[in-house]
Amino acid sequence: MILMLTASLAVAQVPAGQRTAFGILGGINIQNLNGQDFNGDNLENDVIIGYHAGLNIQIPVAPDFYFQPGVLYSSKGAENTSGPVTRTINLSYIEIPLNFVYKGLLGNGYVMVGFGPYAGYAFSGTDKHDGGSVSIENDIEFKNVVDASDPLTATYFKALDAGANIFAGYEMAGGLFFQLNTQLGLLNINPEDNRFSGDDKTAIKNTGYGVSLGYRL
């Protein structure tokens, strides 16, 4: 409703030949969790494949330039193998990207280049360990501060994430479009953990790439 209201208020300022348009999109994510462990050593995780889906509004603000807010569901995480055990972390986010987009005429369609910030909130997640015939999966809990009395077997992350988007793509004359995405998380999503003593240098950030396919009305 907020996005629709924003679009309606912008109609009076539409430059000639441009219009406000709604888009629906989805695609795959290639995600990782990068940063440092407790001792300050770089994390050596492997990427996992996730997906995203959502809506956005493209609001003209100047000739060939648009403001593009939206809302997305996005799955993220990472994988790590140590000996016979593979650990997979999956995180599910609702994200609000606030992108600025340039669209230039190319052939019968438009080339697109966009960038902007995003904010995300994790609402669910799992921490799974697979080793041979044994598999253990626990739900991730979201807290900013982990108390000393909290169980050592639980996995915690901060729910809030934020960072930057960059993408490029092509929109056809009929409204079908595709784009290549890059996303760089700027917030440390590892909570303050009072279960362990010492100088905790853990810092974990979301990093990802992706491909989107969509249609603009």
Protein backbone atom coordinates (compact mmCIF):
# COMPACT_ATOMS: atom_id res chain seq x y z
CA MET A 1 0.00 0.00 0.00
CA ILE A 2 2.85 2.39 0.83
CA LEU A 3 4.54 1.69 -2.53
CA MET A 4 1.26 2.26 -4.41
CA LEU A 5 0.71 5.58 -2.61
CA THR A 6 4.27 6.67 -3.43
CA ALA A 7 3.70 5.88 -7.08
CA SER A 8 0.41 7.79 -7.23
CA LEU A 9 1.99 10.89 -5.69
CA ALA A 10 4.76 10.80 -8.29
CA VAL A 11 2.46 10.69 -11.31
CA ALA A 12 2.15 14.49 -11.50
CA GLN A 13 5.95 14.77 -11.85
CA VAL A 14 6.42 12.19 -14.63
CA PRO A 15 8.79 13.47 -17.35
CA ALA A 16 7.44 13.36 -20.91
CA GLY A 17 7.59 9.84 -22.35
CA GLN A 18 8.15 8.17 -18.99
CA ARG A 19 5.65 6.57 -16.64
CA THR A 20 5.36 4.83 -13.30
CA ALA A 21 5.34 1.04 -13.70
CA PHE A 22 5.02 -1.98 -11.44
CA GLY A 23 7.32 -4.97 -11.72
CA ILE A 24 7.33 -8.56 -10.50
CA LEU A 25 10.58 -10.50 -10.42
CA GLY A 26 12.26 -13.63 -9.15
CA GLY A 27 15.46 -15.57 -9.56
CA ILE A 28 18.37 -17.35 -7.93
CA ASN A 29 20.90 -16.18 -5.34
CA ILE A 30 24.52 -17.32 -5.06
CA GLN A 31 25.19 -16.48 -1.41
CA ASN A 32 27.98 -16.62 1.13
CA LEU A 33 28.76 -15.49 4.67
CA ASN A 34 32.10 -13.70 4.73
CA GLY A 35 34.12 -12.21 7.55
CA GLN A 36 36.23 -13.39 10.49
CA ASP A 37 35.97 -16.07 13.15
CA PHE A 38 36.48 -15.74 16.92
CA ASN A 39 40.27 -15.48 16.53
CA GLY A 40 40.14 -13.02 13.64
CA ASP A 41 40.93 -15.56 10.91
CA ASN A 42 39.07 -15.23 7.62
CA LEU A 43 36.02 -17.45 7.24
CA GLU A 44 36.40 -20.13 4.58
CA ASN A 45 32.80 -20.84 3.65
CA ASP A 46 31.38 -22.11 0.38
CA VAL A 47 28.48 -20.53 -1.46
CA ILE A 48 24.96 -21.92 -1.46
CA ILE A 49 22.15 -21.48 -3.97
CA GLY A 50 19.05 -19.64 -2.77
CA TYR A 51 16.28 -17.69 -4.44
CA HIS A 52 14.43 -14.39 -4.30
CA ALA A 53 11.02 -13.12 -5.36
CA GLY A 54 9.13 -9.88 -4.98
CA LEU A 55 7.68 -6.66 -6.36
CA ASN A 56 8.93 -3.17 -7.12
CA ILE A 57 7.73 0.16 -8.46
CA GLN A 58 9.64 2.18 -11.03
CA ILE A 59 9.03 5.91 -10.53
CA PRO A 60 10.51 8.43 -13.02
CA VAL A 61 12.44 11.26 -11.39
CA ALA A 62 14.36 12.71 -14.36
CA PRO A 63 14.78 11.87 -18.06
CA ASP A 64 16.05 8.25 -18.21
CA PHE A 65 16.37 8.03 -14.39
CA TYR A 66 14.04 6.25 -11.97
CA PHE A 67 13.57 5.62 -8.27
CA GLN A 68 12.80 1.93 -7.71
CA PRO A 69 11.66 0.87 -4.22
CA GLY A 70 10.48 -2.68 -3.66
CA VAL A 71 9.99 -5.60 -1.32
CA LEU A 72 11.62 -9.02 -1.70
CA TYR A 73 11.79 -12.40 -0.05
CA SER A 74 15.42 -13.58 -0.21
CA SER A 75 17.13 -16.74 1.04
CA LYS A 76 20.80 -16.51 2.04
CA GLY A 77 23.47 -18.41 3.96
CA ALA A 78 26.63 -20.45 3.45
CA GLU A 79 28.12 -23.93 3.66
CA ASN A 80 31.27 -25.20 5.33
CA THR A 81 32.84 -28.67 5.23
CA SER A 82 35.23 -29.81 7.97
CA GLY A 83 36.31 -33.43 7.70
CA PRO A 84 33.24 -35.63 7.27
CA VAL A 85 30.80 -32.98 8.52
CA THR A 86 29.13 -30.38 6.31
CA ARG A 87 27.42 -27.45 7.99
CA THR A 88 24.77 -25.49 6.09
CA ILE A 89 23.28 -22.22 7.34
CA ASN A 90 20.09 -20.97 5.70
CA LEU A 91 18.63 -17.53 6.47
CA SER A 92 15.31 -16.16 5.18
CA TYR A 93 14.93 -12.38 4.83
CA ILE A 94 12.31 -9.83 3.92
CA GLU A 95 14.20 -7.01 2.19
CA ILE A 96 13.38 -3.48 1.09
CA PRO A 97 15.68 -2.28 -1.71
CA LEU A 98 15.73 1.43 -2.55
CA ASN A 99 17.44 1.62 -5.92
CA PHE A 100 18.14 4.38 -8.41
CA VAL A 101 18.04 3.18 -12.02
CA TYR A 102 19.28 4.51 -15.33
CA LYS A 103 17.45 3.19 -18.42
CA GLY A 104 18.88 4.01 -21.82
CA LEU A 105 17.28 3.10 -25.14
CA LEU A 106 19.08 0.23 -26.87
CA GLY A 107 17.48 -1.45 -29.85
CA ASN A 108 13.81 -2.09 -29.14
CA GLY A 109 14.34 -2.07 -25.39
CA TYR A 110 16.32 -0.48 -22.61
CA VAL A 111 19.64 -1.19 -20.97
CA MET A 112 19.40 -0.82 -17.16
CA VAL A 113 22.02 0.06 -14.56
CA GLY A 114 20.99 0.44 -10.94
CA PHE A 115 22.38 0.87 -7.44
CA GLY A 116 21.17 1.72 -3.97
CA PRO A 117 20.85 0.60 -0.36
CA TYR A 118 18.76 -2.20 1.05
CA ALA A 119 17.51 -3.13 4.51
CA GLY A 120 16.58 -6.69 5.45
CA TYR A 121 15.03 -8.50 8.40
CA ALA A 122 15.57 -12.22 8.98
CA PHE A 123 12.46 -14.04 10.17
CA SER A 124 13.62 -17.68 10.05
CA GLY A 125 16.71 -19.82 9.59
CA THR A 126 18.25 -23.25 10.11
CA ASP A 127 21.68 -24.58 11.07
CA LYS A 128 22.16 -28.09 9.69
CA HIS A 129 25.04 -30.52 10.25
CA ASP A 130 25.39 -33.55 7.96
CA GLY A 131 27.92 -36.29 8.65
CA GLY A 132 27.50 -39.59 6.90
CA SER A 133 24.17 -41.09 7.95
CA VAL A 134 23.71 -38.57 10.78
CA SER A 135 21.92 -35.25 10.23
CA ILE A 136 21.13 -32.65 12.92
CA GLU A 137 19.12 -29.50 12.20
CA ASN A 138 18.29 -26.67 14.60
CA ASP A 139 16.34 -23.47 14.14
CA ILE A 140 18.40 -20.28 14.30
CA GLU A 141 17.45 -17.76 16.98
CA PHE A 142 17.71 -14.03 16.34
CA LYS A 143 19.14 -11.83 19.09
CA ASN A 144 21.40 -8.79 19.29
CA VAL A 145 23.00 -9.98 22.54
CA VAL A 146 23.43 -13.62 23.57
CA ASP A 147 23.32 -14.12 27.34
CA ALA A 148 25.89 -16.19 29.20
CA SER A 149 23.09 -18.52 30.31
CA ASP A 150 21.94 -19.29 26.76
CA PRO A 151 22.65 -22.86 25.56
CA LEU A 152 25.96 -23.51 23.82
CA THR A 153 24.26 -25.73 21.26
CA ALA A 154 22.09 -22.93 19.85
CA THR A 155 23.00 -20.75 16.86
CA TYR A 156 22.31 -17.02 16.96
CA PHE A 157 22.31 -14.20 14.42
CA LYS A 158 21.13 -10.62 14.41
CA ALA A 159 17.87 -10.23 12.51
CA LEU A 160 18.68 -6.82 10.98
CA ASP A 161 20.85 -6.59 7.89
CA ALA A 162 21.64 -3.72 5.53
CA GLY A 163 23.94 -3.10 2.62
CA ALA A 164 24.25 -2.07 -1.02
CA ASN A 165 22.81 -3.33 -4.31
CA ILE A 166 24.31 -3.04 -7.78
CA PHE A 167 22.67 -4.49 -10.88
CA ALA A 168 22.63 -4.31 -14.67
CA GLY A 169 20.23 -5.75 -17.18
CA TYR A 170 17.99 -5.32 -20.19
CA GLU A 171 14.27 -4.64 -20.48
CA MET A 172 12.48 -5.61 -23.69
CA ALA A 173 9.81 -3.50 -25.35
CA GLY A 174 7.05 -5.80 -24.09
CA GLY A 175 8.09 -5.42 -20.43
CA LEU A 176 10.05 -8.64 -19.95
CA PHE A 177 13.42 -7.99 -18.30
CA PHE A 178 16.44 -9.77 -16.86
CA GLN A 179 19.27 -8.50 -14.69
CA LEU A 180 22.50 -9.54 -12.99
CA ASN A 181 22.68 -8.59 -9.31
CA THR A 182 25.43 -8.00 -6.76
CA GLN A 183 24.69 -7.47 -3.08
CA LEU A 184 27.17 -6.48 -0.39
CA GLY A 185 26.11 -6.67 3.25
CA LEU A 186 27.59 -3.89 5.38
CA LEU A 187 26.33 -4.87 8.84
CA ASN A 188 27.89 -7.48 11.11
CA ILE A 189 25.05 -9.95 11.68
CA ASN A 190 26.93 -11.82 14.42
CA PRO A 191 25.47 -10.87 17.84
CA GLU A 192 27.47 -9.96 20.93
CA ASP A 193 28.01 -13.39 22.49
CA ASN A 194 28.51 -13.52 26.27
CA ARG A 195 28.73 -17.31 26.36
CA PHE A 196 32.46 -17.10 25.64
CA SER A 197 35.20 -15.13 27.36
CA GLY A 198 38.07 -13.41 25.60
CA ASP A 199 38.36 -10.97 22.73
CA ASP A 200 35.71 -12.14 20.26
CA LYS A 201 36.66 -10.89 16.78
CA THR A 202 33.80 -12.64 14.97
CA ALA A 203 32.31 -10.56 12.15
CA ILE A 204 29.88 -12.06 9.64
CA LYS A 205 28.37 -10.30 6.61
CA ASN A 206 26.10 -11.41 3.78
CA THR A 207 27.58 -11.31 0.29
CA GLY A 208 25.88 -12.51 -2.84
CA TYR A 209 25.27 -12.49 -6.57
CA GLY A 210 22.19 -13.40 -8.50
CA VAL A 211 20.14 -13.47 -11.67
CA SER A 212 16.59 -12.09 -11.88
CA LEU A 213 13.86 -12.49 -14.48
CA GLY A 214 10.79 -10.29 -14.33
CA TYR A 215 7.97 -8.50 -16.04
CA ARG A 216 7.08 -4.82 -15.84
CA LEU A 217 3.48 -3.65 -16.23
